[in-house]
């Protein structure tokens, strides 16, 4: 932090009447030490800020200002003020104009926004303020703020060529300044069936498995972004997806049975024993006689004891239900 940043942080801290908690990722990324160092300097300069390690998995270092706001940037120079303001919103969110409040009230589909910024960008702080304010007022908005100069590999993966660049996964993107009304209009008109696996993961991490189930029942179709989570390498992610499978099997068995072919194909595509075991469990929850025949055909070729047990349990579950 430059002396001007330290003065700015100290002045902000002096105006605060309560403490603020900032969660910091723990990654093996080469950039993690810089985030750790900034956190240490910030807590020395602003004692009202408490930094706590986050247990949420991250590919790149990040500060979590709230459950739905992730800041993968070092908030220096022009970005320090909007970052501190966002911390202050934990106690006193900035008020919104009535037209923006009305649009937010219509937002029922969770949305993932990714904003790429750069510290030297003159227009980025305004976009950060604008989007953080929206996310603070709506649990449906998941906001990732990423410094493209710090993480060029992430920017390249999203084909970012200039900043600020805002991406509404993955259908819309804006470069430069954009009004909140336009962003919200696109979010409101989103089709849940086109949400990505990353967004469904965030929805499940917020404990909204029922919402995912209801949306698929309402649309009478399975969402690919969701089904992709059934083969996710992290067990906790698959566990959340299994909750949806269980709910779907109970509430809409005629729709749930269509998961069978998807799960069987996925089983043949993966080699991880734990993933295959979870897929067999899911097949037991939704399977029909055709699924039972498929499991019986696979059973003699299963060499791992855990898979044999999972297959037999799935067969018993199908037998009990059918």
C-alpha atoms as a PDB file:
ATOM      1  CA  UNK A   1       0.000   0.000   0.000  1.00  0.00           C
ATOM      2  CA  UNK A   2       1.265   3.428  -0.897  1.00  0.00           C
ATOM      3  CA  UNK A   3       1.263   6.166   1.766  1.00  0.00           C
ATOM      4  CA  UNK A   4      -1.845   7.651   0.127  1.00  0.00           C
ATOM      5  CA  UNK A   5      -3.595   4.256   0.373  1.00  0.00           C
ATOM      6  CA  UNK A   6      -2.639   3.946   4.039  1.00  0.00           C
ATOM      7  CA  UNK A   7      -4.033   7.416   4.790  1.00  0.00           C
ATOM      8  CA  UNK A   8      -7.230   6.596   2.914  1.00  0.00           C
ATOM      9  CA  UNK A   9      -7.690   3.310   4.812  1.00  0.00           C
ATOM     10  CA  UNK A  10      -6.944   4.980   8.161  1.00  0.00           C
ATOM     11  CA  UNK A  11      -9.453   7.772   7.492  1.00  0.00           C
ATOM     12  CA  UNK A  12     -12.093   5.225   6.504  1.00  0.00           C
ATOM     13  CA  UNK A  13     -11.426   3.173   9.650  1.00  0.00           C
ATOM     14  CA  UNK A  14     -11.801   6.259  11.824  1.00  0.00           C
ATOM     15  CA  UNK A  15     -15.313   6.782  10.421  1.00  0.00           C
ATOM     16  CA  UNK A  16     -16.492   3.246  11.204  1.00  0.00           C
ATOM     17  CA  UNK A  17     -18.598   2.467  14.252  1.00  0.00           C
ATOM     18  CA  UNK A  18     -18.397  -1.335  14.099  1.00  0.00           C
ATOM     19  CA  UNK A  19     -15.987  -4.071  13.075  1.00  0.00           C
ATOM     20  CA  UNK A  20     -15.993  -5.732   9.660  1.00  0.00           C
ATOM     21  CA  UNK A  21     -15.057  -9.291   8.732  1.00  0.00           C
ATOM     22  CA  UNK A  22     -13.169 -10.013   5.539  1.00  0.00           C
ATOM     23  CA  UNK A  23     -12.651 -13.611   4.445  1.00  0.00           C
ATOM     24  CA  UNK A  24      -9.443 -14.485   2.608  1.00  0.00           C
ATOM     25  CA  UNK A  25      -8.914 -17.511   0.393  1.00  0.00           C
ATOM     26  CA  UNK A  26      -6.177 -20.046   1.017  1.00  0.00           C
ATOM     27  CA  UNK A  27      -4.747 -21.157  -2.318  1.00  0.00           C
ATOM     28  CA  UNK A  28      -1.466 -22.403  -3.713  1.00  0.00           C
ATOM     29  CA  UNK A  29      -1.549 -19.806  -6.444  1.00  0.00           C
ATOM     30  CA  UNK A  30       1.702 -17.810  -6.807  1.00  0.00           C
ATOM     31  CA  UNK A  31      -0.269 -14.620  -6.176  1.00  0.00           C
ATOM     32  CA  UNK A  32      -1.545 -15.702  -2.751  1.00  0.00           C
ATOM     33  CA  UNK A  33       1.351 -14.125  -0.734  1.00  0.00           C
ATOM     34  CA  UNK A  34       0.503 -10.686  -2.135  1.00  0.00           C
ATOM     35  CA  UNK A  35      -3.088 -11.060  -0.907  1.00  0.00           C
ATOM     36  CA  UNK A  36      -1.868 -12.238   2.496  1.00  0.00           C
ATOM     37  CA  UNK A  37       0.456  -9.235   2.733  1.00  0.00           C
ATOM     38  CA  UNK A  38      -2.303  -6.792   1.786  1.00  0.00           C
ATOM     39  CA  UNK A  39      -4.602  -8.319   4.409  1.00  0.00           C
ATOM     40  CA  UNK A  40      -1.942  -7.907   7.104  1.00  0.00           C
ATOM     41  CA  UNK A  41      -1.291  -4.298   6.155  1.00  0.00           C
ATOM     42  CA  UNK A  42      -4.993  -3.498   6.007  1.00  0.00           C
ATOM     43  CA  UNK A  43      -5.670  -4.875   9.491  1.00  0.00           C
ATOM     44  CA  UNK A  44      -2.748  -2.867  10.887  1.00  0.00           C
ATOM     45  CA  UNK A  45      -3.990   0.306   9.229  1.00  0.00           C
ATOM     46  CA  UNK A  46      -7.696  -0.333   9.877  1.00  0.00           C
ATOM     47  CA  UNK A  47      -8.050  -2.279  13.162  1.00  0.00           C
ATOM     48  CA  UNK A  48     -11.814  -2.459  12.650  1.00  0.00           C
ATOM     49  CA  UNK A  49     -11.206  -5.011   9.893  1.00  0.00           C
ATOM     50  CA  UNK A  50     -10.778  -8.637  10.887  1.00  0.00           C
ATOM     51  CA  UNK A  51      -9.442 -11.049   8.273  1.00  0.00           C
ATOM     52  CA  UNK A  52     -10.490 -14.688   8.598  1.00  0.00           C
ATOM     53  CA  UNK A  53      -9.385 -17.621   6.412  1.00  0.00           C
ATOM     54  CA  UNK A  54     -12.100 -18.805   4.051  1.00  0.00           C
ATOM     55  CA  UNK A  55     -12.833 -22.495   3.580  1.00  0.00           C
ATOM     56  CA  UNK A  56     -14.385 -21.916   0.151  1.00  0.00           C
ATOM     57  CA  UNK A  57     -12.366 -23.466  -2.694  1.00  0.00           C
ATOM     58  CA  UNK A  58     -10.760 -20.987  -5.093  1.00  0.00           C
ATOM     59  CA  UNK A  59      -8.583 -21.332  -8.164  1.00  0.00           C
ATOM     60  CA  UNK A  60      -7.158 -17.837  -7.723  1.00  0.00           C
ATOM     61  CA  UNK A  61      -6.703 -15.742  -4.541  1.00  0.00           C
ATOM     62  CA  UNK A  62      -9.748 -13.801  -3.426  1.00  0.00           C
ATOM     63  CA  UNK A  63     -11.275 -11.698  -0.680  1.00  0.00           C
ATOM     64  CA  UNK A  64     -14.887 -12.543   0.197  1.00  0.00           C
ATOM     65  CA  UNK A  65     -16.683  -9.361   1.180  1.00  0.00           C
ATOM     66  CA  UNK A  66     -19.938 -11.323   1.446  1.00  0.00           C
ATOM     67  CA  UNK A  67     -21.083 -14.823   0.569  1.00  0.00           C
ATOM     68  CA  UNK A  68     -21.963 -13.657  -2.925  1.00  0.00           C
ATOM     69  CA  UNK A  69     -19.179 -11.115  -3.533  1.00  0.00           C
ATOM     70  CA  UNK A  70     -15.672 -12.294  -4.348  1.00  0.00           C
ATOM     71  CA  UNK A  71     -12.848  -9.828  -4.983  1.00  0.00           C
ATOM     72  CA  UNK A  72      -9.866 -11.389  -6.831  1.00  0.00           C
ATOM     73  CA  UNK A  73      -7.926  -8.163  -6.975  1.00  0.00           C
ATOM     74  CA  UNK A  74      -5.559  -6.195  -4.779  1.00  0.00           C
ATOM     75  CA  UNK A  75      -7.638  -3.099  -3.961  1.00  0.00           C
ATOM     76  CA  UNK A  76      -4.980  -0.447  -4.346  1.00  0.00           C
ATOM     77  CA  UNK A  77      -5.067   3.134  -5.579  1.00  0.00           C
ATOM     78  CA  UNK A  78      -8.373   3.780  -7.420  1.00  0.00           C
ATOM     79  CA  UNK A  79      -9.830   0.430  -6.331  1.00  0.00           C
ATOM     80  CA  UNK A  80      -9.257   0.934  -2.595  1.00  0.00           C
ATOM     81  CA  UNK A  81     -12.179   3.319  -2.031  1.00  0.00           C
ATOM     82  CA  UNK A  82     -14.893   1.090  -3.597  1.00  0.00           C
ATOM     83  CA  UNK A  83     -13.436  -1.915  -1.774  1.00  0.00           C
ATOM     84  CA  UNK A  84     -13.655  -0.148   1.605  1.00  0.00           C
ATOM     85  CA  UNK A  85     -17.136   1.103   0.772  1.00  0.00           C
ATOM     86  CA  UNK A  86     -18.169  -2.472   0.046  1.00  0.00           C
ATOM     87  CA  UNK A  87     -16.857  -3.539   3.449  1.00  0.00           C
ATOM     88  CA  UNK A  88     -18.882  -0.763   5.021  1.00  0.00           C
ATOM     89  CA  UNK A  89     -22.021  -2.065   3.300  1.00  0.00           C
ATOM     90  CA  UNK A  90     -21.955  -5.005   5.738  1.00  0.00           C
ATOM     91  CA  UNK A  91     -23.476  -2.603   8.240  1.00  0.00           C
ATOM     92  CA  UNK A  92     -25.121   0.070   6.097  1.00  0.00           C
ATOM     93  CA  UNK A  93     -25.869  -0.848   2.462  1.00  0.00           C
ATOM     94  CA  UNK A  94     -26.059   2.067   0.095  1.00  0.00           C
ATOM     95  CA  UNK A  95     -29.682   2.992  -0.750  1.00  0.00           C
ATOM     96  CA  UNK A  96     -30.986   2.262  -4.235  1.00  0.00           C
ATOM     97  CA  UNK A  97     -33.214   4.334  -6.522  1.00  0.00           C
ATOM     98  CA  UNK A  98     -36.822   3.146  -6.632  1.00  0.00           C
ATOM     99  CA  UNK A  99     -36.581   1.948 -10.236  1.00  0.00           C
ATOM    100  CA  UNK A 100     -33.575  -0.236  -9.390  1.00  0.00           C
ATOM    101  CA  UNK A 101     -35.341  -1.626  -6.322  1.00  0.00           C
ATOM    102  CA  UNK A 102     -38.330  -2.513  -8.494  1.00  0.00           C
ATOM    103  CA  UNK A 103     -36.125  -4.376 -10.962  1.00  0.00           C
ATOM    104  CA  UNK A 104     -34.288  -6.238  -8.216  1.00  0.00           C
ATOM    105  CA  UNK A 105     -37.639  -7.376  -6.818  1.00  0.00           C
ATOM    106  CA  UNK A 106     -38.333  -9.079 -10.159  1.00  0.00           C
ATOM    107  CA  UNK A 107     -35.059 -11.002 -10.093  1.00  0.00           C
ATOM    108  CA  UNK A 108     -35.819 -14.620  -9.254  1.00  0.00           C
ATOM    109  CA  UNK A 109     -33.149 -16.471 -11.248  1.00  0.00           C
ATOM    110  CA  UNK A 110     -29.662 -16.530  -9.668  1.00  0.00           C
ATOM    111  CA  UNK A 111     -27.108 -14.833 -11.883  1.00  0.00           C
ATOM    112  CA  UNK A 112     -23.354 -14.900 -12.017  1.00  0.00           C
ATOM    113  CA  UNK A 113     -21.604 -11.674 -12.960  1.00  0.00           C
ATOM    114  CA  UNK A 114     -17.872 -11.530 -13.625  1.00  0.00           C
ATOM    115  CA  UNK A 115     -16.275  -8.101 -13.796  1.00  0.00           C
ATOM    116  CA  UNK A 116     -12.719  -7.797 -15.083  1.00  0.00           C
ATOM    117  CA  UNK A 117     -10.881  -4.689 -13.949  1.00  0.00           C
ATOM    118  CA  UNK A 118      -7.394  -3.170 -13.755  1.00  0.00           C
ATOM    119  CA  UNK A 119      -6.018  -0.893 -11.064  1.00  0.00           C
ATOM    120  CA  UNK A 120      -5.024   1.805 -13.563  1.00  0.00           C
ATOM    121  CA  UNK A 121      -8.447   1.816 -15.271  1.00  0.00           C
ATOM    122  CA  UNK A 122     -10.292   5.136 -14.664  1.00  0.00           C
ATOM    123  CA  UNK A 123     -13.762   3.651 -15.294  1.00  0.00           C
ATOM    124  CA  UNK A 124     -13.450   0.428 -13.272  1.00  0.00           C
ATOM    125  CA  UNK A 125     -14.114   1.866  -9.779  1.00  0.00           C
ATOM    126  CA  UNK A 126     -17.537   3.138 -10.866  1.00  0.00           C
ATOM    127  CA  UNK A 127     -18.465  -0.304 -12.226  1.00  0.00           C
ATOM    128  CA  UNK A 128     -17.270  -1.949  -9.010  1.00  0.00           C
ATOM    129  CA  UNK A 129     -19.439   0.397  -6.935  1.00  0.00           C
ATOM    130  CA  UNK A 130     -22.441  -0.121  -9.207  1.00  0.00           C
ATOM    131  CA  UNK A 131     -22.285  -3.932  -9.146  1.00  0.00           C
ATOM    132  CA  UNK A 132     -21.359  -4.334  -5.488  1.00  0.00           C
ATOM    133  CA  UNK A 133     -24.386  -2.226  -4.566  1.00  0.00           C
ATOM    134  CA  UNK A 134     -26.650  -4.522  -6.599  1.00  0.00           C
ATOM    135  CA  UNK A 135     -25.118  -7.677  -5.120  1.00  0.00           C
ATOM    136  CA  UNK A 136     -25.407  -6.374  -1.561  1.00  0.00           C
ATOM    137  CA  UNK A 137     -29.154  -5.960  -2.059  1.00  0.00           C
ATOM    138  CA  UNK A 138     -29.821  -9.318  -3.755  1.00  0.00           C
ATOM    139  CA  UNK A 139     -28.762 -12.825  -2.752  1.00  0.00           C
ATOM    140  CA  UNK A 140     -29.544 -13.881  -6.327  1.00  0.00           C
ATOM    141  CA  UNK A 141     -26.495 -12.025  -7.670  1.00  0.00           C
ATOM    142  CA  UNK A 142     -23.102 -13.741  -7.447  1.00  0.00           C
ATOM    143  CA  UNK A 143     -20.381 -11.238  -8.244  1.00  0.00           C
ATOM    144  CA  UNK A 144     -16.771 -12.042  -9.094  1.00  0.00           C
ATOM    145  CA  UNK A 145     -14.402  -9.083  -9.489  1.00  0.00           C
ATOM    146  CA  UNK A 146     -11.106 -10.075 -11.102  1.00  0.00           C
ATOM    147  CA  UNK A 147      -8.024  -8.002 -11.886  1.00  0.00           C
ATOM    148  CA  UNK A 148      -7.161  -9.141 -15.394  1.00  0.00           C
ATOM    149  CA  UNK A 149      -3.600  -7.835 -15.098  1.00  0.00           C
ATOM    150  CA  UNK A 150      -2.997  -9.940 -11.985  1.00  0.00           C
ATOM    151  CA  UNK A 151      -4.609 -13.031 -13.469  1.00  0.00           C
ATOM    152  CA  UNK A 152      -4.049 -12.839 -17.231  1.00  0.00           C
ATOM    153  CA  UNK A 153      -4.699 -16.554 -17.672  1.00  0.00           C
ATOM    154  CA  UNK A 154      -8.234 -16.076 -16.331  1.00  0.00           C
ATOM    155  CA  UNK A 155      -8.786 -13.022 -18.511  1.00  0.00           C
ATOM    156  CA  UNK A 156      -7.542 -14.922 -21.566  1.00  0.00           C
ATOM    157  CA  UNK A 157      -9.868 -17.828 -20.789  1.00  0.00           C
ATOM    158  CA  UNK A 158     -12.788 -15.367 -20.905  1.00  0.00           C
ATOM    159  CA  UNK A 159     -11.392 -13.619 -24.022  1.00  0.00           C
ATOM    160  CA  UNK A 160     -11.138 -10.283 -22.224  1.00  0.00           C
ATOM    161  CA  UNK A 161      -9.339  -7.678 -24.288  1.00  0.00           C
ATOM    162  CA  UNK A 162     -10.157  -4.460 -22.428  1.00  0.00           C
ATOM    163  CA  UNK A 163     -11.585  -3.322 -19.097  1.00  0.00           C
ATOM    164  CA  UNK A 164     -13.981  -2.863 -17.523  1.00  0.00           C
ATOM    165  CA  UNK A 165     -15.480  -5.999 -19.014  1.00  0.00           C
ATOM    166  CA  UNK A 166     -18.665  -7.394 -17.485  1.00  0.00           C
ATOM    167  CA  UNK A 167     -19.804 -10.929 -18.336  1.00  0.00           C
ATOM    168  CA  UNK A 168     -23.239 -12.330 -17.555  1.00  0.00           C
ATOM    169  CA  UNK A 169     -22.568 -16.017 -17.942  1.00  0.00           C
ATOM    170  CA  UNK A 170     -22.067 -16.788 -20.749  1.00  0.00           C
ATOM    171  CA  UNK A 171     -24.505 -15.053 -23.063  1.00  0.00           C
ATOM    172  CA  UNK A 172     -23.915 -11.347 -22.547  1.00  0.00           C
ATOM    173  CA  UNK A 173     -20.952  -9.107 -22.083  1.00  0.00           C
ATOM    174  CA  UNK A 174     -20.394  -5.408 -21.914  1.00  0.00           C
ATOM    175  CA  UNK A 175     -17.166  -3.465 -22.290  1.00  0.00           C
ATOM    176  CA  UNK A 176     -16.933  -0.023 -20.740  1.00  0.00           C
ATOM    177  CA  UNK A 177     -19.584   1.707 -18.676  1.00  0.00           C
ATOM    178  CA  UNK A 178     -23.048   0.166 -18.581  1.00  0.00           C
ATOM    179  CA  UNK A 179     -26.190   1.246 -16.731  1.00  0.00           C
ATOM    180  CA  UNK A 180     -27.565  -0.838 -13.882  1.00  0.00           C
ATOM    181  CA  UNK A 181     -30.990  -0.902 -15.556  1.00  0.00           C
ATOM    182  CA  UNK A 182     -29.593  -2.636 -18.641  1.00  0.00           C
ATOM    183  CA  UNK A 183     -27.715  -5.203 -16.561  1.00  0.00           C
ATOM    184  CA  UNK A 184     -30.788  -5.988 -14.479  1.00  0.00           C
ATOM    185  CA  UNK A 185     -33.008  -6.280 -17.564  1.00  0.00           C
ATOM    186  CA  UNK A 186     -30.775  -8.996 -18.964  1.00  0.00           C
ATOM    187  CA  UNK A 187     -30.603 -10.772 -15.589  1.00  0.00           C
ATOM    188  CA  UNK A 188     -34.386 -10.750 -15.208  1.00  0.00           C
ATOM    189  CA  UNK A 189     -34.910 -12.249 -18.659  1.00  0.00           C
ATOM    190  CA  UNK A 190     -32.439 -15.086 -18.104  1.00  0.00           C
ATOM    191  CA  UNK A 191     -33.511 -18.654 -18.873  1.00  0.00           C
ATOM    192  CA  UNK A 192     -32.605 -20.912 -15.887  1.00  0.00           C
ATOM    193  CA  UNK A 193     -32.002 -23.850 -18.227  1.00  0.00           C
ATOM    194  CA  UNK A 194     -29.018 -21.998 -19.703  1.00  0.00           C
ATOM    195  CA  UNK A 195     -27.218 -21.375 -16.417  1.00  0.00           C
ATOM    196  CA  UNK A 196     -23.705 -22.789 -16.223  1.00  0.00           C
ATOM    197  CA  UNK A 197     -22.433 -25.508 -13.908  1.00  0.00           C
ATOM    198  CA  UNK A 198     -20.469 -22.840 -12.013  1.00  0.00           C
ATOM    199  CA  UNK A 199     -23.645 -20.891 -11.276  1.00  0.00           C
ATOM    200  CA  UNK A 200     -25.556 -24.001 -10.225  1.00  0.00           C
ATOM    201  CA  UNK A 201     -22.676 -24.815  -7.903  1.00  0.00           C
ATOM    202  CA  UNK A 202     -22.926 -21.400  -6.282  1.00  0.00           C
ATOM    203  CA  UNK A 203     -26.695 -21.804  -5.959  1.00  0.00           C
ATOM    204  CA  UNK A 204     -26.259 -25.150  -4.191  1.00  0.00           C
ATOM    205  CA  UNK A 205     -23.561 -23.713  -1.917  1.00  0.00           C
ATOM    206  CA  UNK A 206     -26.154 -21.160  -0.822  1.00  0.00           C
ATOM    207  CA  UNK A 207     -28.442 -24.029   0.220  1.00  0.00           C
ATOM    208  CA  UNK A 208     -30.896 -23.537  -2.653  1.00  0.00           C
ATOM    209  CA  UNK A 209     -31.266 -27.159  -3.812  1.00  0.00           C
ATOM    210  CA  UNK A 210     -35.064 -26.778  -3.671  1.00  0.00           C
ATOM    211  CA  UNK A 211     -34.887 -23.840  -6.080  1.00  0.00           C
ATOM    212  CA  UNK A 212     -32.962 -25.897  -8.649  1.00  0.00           C
ATOM    213  CA  UNK A 213     -35.459 -28.742  -8.301  1.00  0.00           C
ATOM    214  CA  UNK A 214     -38.458 -26.427  -8.691  1.00  0.00           C
ATOM    215  CA  UNK A 215     -37.042 -24.780 -11.795  1.00  0.00           C
ATOM    216  CA  UNK A 216     -36.464 -28.104 -13.555  1.00  0.00           C
ATOM    217  CA  UNK A 217     -39.950 -29.316 -12.610  1.00  0.00           C
ATOM    218  CA  UNK A 218     -41.474 -26.073 -13.871  1.00  0.00           C
ATOM    219  CA  UNK A 219     -39.563 -26.341 -17.157  1.00  0.00           C
ATOM    220  CA  UNK A 220     -40.182 -30.119 -17.282  1.00  0.00           C
ATOM    221  CA  UNK A 221     -36.602 -30.683 -18.365  1.00  0.00           C
ATOM    222  CA  UNK A 222     -33.177 -31.430 -16.930  1.00  0.00           C
ATOM    223  CA  UNK A 223     -30.630 -28.617 -16.976  1.00  0.00           C
ATOM    224  CA  UNK A 224     -27.241 -29.589 -18.392  1.00  0.00           C
ATOM    225  CA  UNK A 225     -25.468 -27.104 -16.142  1.00  0.00           C
ATOM    226  CA  UNK A 226     -26.874 -29.014 -13.194  1.00  0.00           C
ATOM    227  CA  UNK A 227     -26.253 -32.538 -14.486  1.00  0.00           C
ATOM    228  CA  UNK A 228     -22.597 -31.634 -15.071  1.00  0.00           C
ATOM    229  CA  UNK A 229     -22.230 -31.290 -11.278  1.00  0.00           C
ATOM    230  CA  UNK A 230     -23.009 -34.985 -10.797  1.00  0.00           C
ATOM    231  CA  UNK A 231     -19.512 -35.772 -12.069  1.00  0.00           C
ATOM    232  CA  UNK A 232     -17.713 -32.906 -10.324  1.00  0.00           C
ATOM    233  CA  UNK A 233     -14.359 -33.957  -8.771  1.00  0.00           C
ATOM    234  CA  UNK A 234     -15.189 -32.321  -5.409  1.00  0.00           C
ATOM    235  CA  UNK A 235     -17.321 -34.516  -3.182  1.00  0.00           C
ATOM    236  CA  UNK A 236     -19.063 -31.589  -1.495  1.00  0.00           C
ATOM    237  CA  UNK A 237     -20.301 -30.339  -4.881  1.00  0.00           C
ATOM    238  CA  UNK A 238     -21.626 -33.773  -5.817  1.00  0.00           C
ATOM    239  CA  UNK A 239     -23.315 -34.021  -2.426  1.00  0.00           C
ATOM    240  CA  UNK A 240     -25.282 -30.848  -3.115  1.00  0.00           C
ATOM    241  CA  UNK A 241     -26.274 -32.202  -6.529  1.00  0.00           C
ATOM    242  CA  UNK A 242     -27.419 -35.464  -4.926  1.00  0.00           C
ATOM    243  CA  UNK A 243     -29.816 -33.511  -2.716  1.00  0.00           C
ATOM    244  CA  UNK A 244     -31.448 -32.167  -5.883  1.00  0.00           C
ATOM    245  CA  UNK A 245     -31.629 -35.704  -7.312  1.00  0.00           C
ATOM    246  CA  UNK A 246     -33.353 -36.942  -4.153  1.00  0.00           C
ATOM    247  CA  UNK A 247     -35.840 -34.062  -4.213  1.00  0.00           C
ATOM    248  CA  UNK A 248     -36.519 -34.564  -7.899  1.00  0.00           C
ATOM    249  CA  UNK A 249     -37.090 -38.310  -7.425  1.00  0.00           C
ATOM    250  CA  UNK A 250     -39.608 -37.572  -4.689  1.00  0.00           C
ATOM    251  CA  UNK A 251     -41.425 -34.644  -6.265  1.00  0.00           C
ATOM    252  CA  UNK A 252     -41.291 -35.466 -10.000  1.00  0.00           C
ATOM    253  CA  UNK A 253     -40.374 -39.126 -10.566  1.00  0.00           C
ATOM    254  CA  UNK A 254     -41.472 -38.998 -14.208  1.00  0.00           C
ATOM    255  CA  UNK A 255     -38.883 -36.293 -14.847  1.00  0.00           C
ATOM    256  CA  UNK A 256     -36.260 -37.824 -12.566  1.00  0.00           C
ATOM    257  CA  UNK A 257     -36.260 -41.082 -14.514  1.00  0.00           C
ATOM    258  CA  UNK A 258     -34.773 -39.207 -17.471  1.00  0.00           C
ATOM    259  CA  UNK A 259     -31.624 -38.779 -15.387  1.00  0.00           C
ATOM    260  CA  UNK A 260     -30.978 -42.495 -15.826  1.00  0.00           C
ATOM    261  CA  UNK A 261     -29.434 -42.363 -19.323  1.00  0.00           C
ATOM    262  CA  UNK A 262     -27.406 -39.281 -18.347  1.00  0.00           C
ATOM    263  CA  UNK A 263     -26.021 -40.995 -15.238  1.00  0.00           C
ATOM    264  CA  UNK A 264     -25.258 -44.234 -17.075  1.00  0.00           C
ATOM    265  CA  UNK A 265     -23.383 -42.405 -19.820  1.00  0.00           C
ATOM    266  CA  UNK A 266     -21.474 -40.395 -17.217  1.00  0.00           C
ATOM    267  CA  UNK A 267     -20.560 -43.587 -15.345  1.00  0.00           C
ATOM    268  CA  UNK A 268     -18.919 -44.942 -18.495  1.00  0.00           C
ATOM    269  CA  UNK A 269     -17.092 -41.658 -19.100  1.00  0.00           C
ATOM    270  CA  UNK A 270     -15.408 -41.354 -15.679  1.00  0.00           C
ATOM    271  CA  UNK A 271     -12.903 -43.604 -13.919  1.00  0.00           C
ATOM    272  CA  UNK A 272     -12.881 -42.125 -10.405  1.00  0.00           C
ATOM    273  CA  UNK A 273     -14.242 -44.723  -7.986  1.00  0.00           C
ATOM    274  CA  UNK A 274     -15.898 -42.186  -5.661  1.00  0.00           C
ATOM    275  CA  UNK A 275     -17.684 -40.449  -8.555  1.00  0.00           C
ATOM    276  CA  UNK A 276     -18.866 -43.768  -9.954  1.00  0.00           C
ATOM    277  CA  UNK A 277     -20.150 -44.754  -6.519  1.00  0.00           C
ATOM    278  CA  UNK A 278     -22.167 -41.536  -6.237  1.00  0.00           C
ATOM    279  CA  UNK A 279     -23.575 -42.062  -9.724  1.00  0.00           C
ATOM    280  CA  UNK A 280     -24.731 -45.531  -8.742  1.00  0.00           C
ATOM    281  CA  UNK A 281     -26.430 -44.076  -5.679  1.00  0.00           C
ATOM    282  CA  UNK A 282     -28.220 -41.536  -7.887  1.00  0.00           C
ATOM    283  CA  UNK A 283     -29.275 -44.314 -10.266  1.00  0.00           C
ATOM    284  CA  UNK A 284     -30.813 -46.115  -7.323  1.00  0.00           C
ATOM    285  CA  UNK A 285     -32.830 -42.994  -6.517  1.00  0.00           C
ATOM    286  CA  UNK A 286     -34.226 -42.407 -10.025  1.00  0.00           C
ATOM    287  CA  UNK A 287     -33.789 -45.689 -11.902  1.00  0.00           C
ATOM    288  CA  UNK A 288     -36.452 -47.799 -13.623  1.00  0.00           C
ATOM    289  CA  UNK A 289     -36.411 -51.448 -14.789  1.00  0.00           C
ATOM    290  CA  UNK A 290     -34.146 -50.499 -17.704  1.00  0.00           C
ATOM    291  CA  UNK A 291     -31.703 -48.935 -15.247  1.00  0.00           C
ATOM    292  CA  UNK A 292     -31.877 -52.047 -13.079  1.00  0.00           C
ATOM    293  CA  UNK A 293     -30.954 -54.216 -16.066  1.00  0.00           C
ATOM    294  CA  UNK A 294     -28.022 -51.924 -16.853  1.00  0.00           C
ATOM    295  CA  UNK A 295     -26.667 -52.162 -13.290  1.00  0.00           C
ATOM    296  CA  UNK A 296     -27.121 -55.947 -13.247  1.00  0.00           C
ATOM    297  CA  UNK A 297     -25.134 -56.128 -16.487  1.00  0.00           C
ATOM    298  CA  UNK A 298     -22.315 -53.992 -15.035  1.00  0.00           C
ATOM    299  CA  UNK A 299     -22.193 -55.695 -11.633  1.00  0.00           C
ATOM    300  CA  UNK A 300     -20.043 -58.729 -12.599  1.00  0.00           C
ATOM    301  CA  UNK A 301     -17.378 -56.430 -14.028  1.00  0.00           C
ATOM    302  CA  UNK A 302     -17.054 -54.222 -10.931  1.00  0.00           C
ATOM    303  CA  UNK A 303     -13.814 -55.119  -9.161  1.00  0.00           C
ATOM    304  CA  UNK A 304     -13.815 -52.530  -6.396  1.00  0.00           C
ATOM    305  CA  UNK A 305     -15.741 -53.582  -3.285  1.00  0.00           C
ATOM    306  CA  UNK A 306     -17.172 -50.083  -2.758  1.00  0.00           C
ATOM    307  CA  UNK A 307     -18.633 -50.089  -6.267  1.00  0.00           C
ATOM    308  CA  UNK A 308     -20.091 -53.549  -5.789  1.00  0.00           C
ATOM    309  CA  UNK A 309     -21.767 -52.421  -2.587  1.00  0.00           C
ATOM    310  CA  UNK A 310     -23.063 -49.242  -4.265  1.00  0.00           C
ATOM    311  CA  UNK A 311     -24.453 -51.243  -7.182  1.00  0.00           C
ATOM    312  CA  UNK A 312     -26.210 -53.704  -4.912  1.00  0.00           C
ATOM    313  CA  UNK A 313     -27.671 -50.866  -2.839  1.00  0.00           C
ATOM    314  CA  UNK A 314     -28.902 -49.183  -6.020  1.00  0.00           C
ATOM    315  CA  UNK A 315     -30.546 -52.402  -7.191  1.00  0.00           C
ATOM    316  CA  UNK A 316     -32.278 -52.781  -3.818  1.00  0.00           C
ATOM    317  CA  UNK A 317     -33.497 -49.169  -3.944  1.00  0.00           C
ATOM    318  CA  UNK A 318     -34.927 -49.645  -7.448  1.00  0.00           C
ATOM    319  CA  UNK A 319     -36.538 -52.928  -6.430  1.00  0.00           C
ATOM    320  CA  UNK A 320     -38.193 -51.309  -3.403  1.00  0.00           C
ATOM    321  CA  UNK A 321     -39.519 -48.424  -5.447  1.00  0.00           C
ATOM    322  CA  UNK A 322     -40.533 -50.196  -8.663  1.00  0.00           C
END
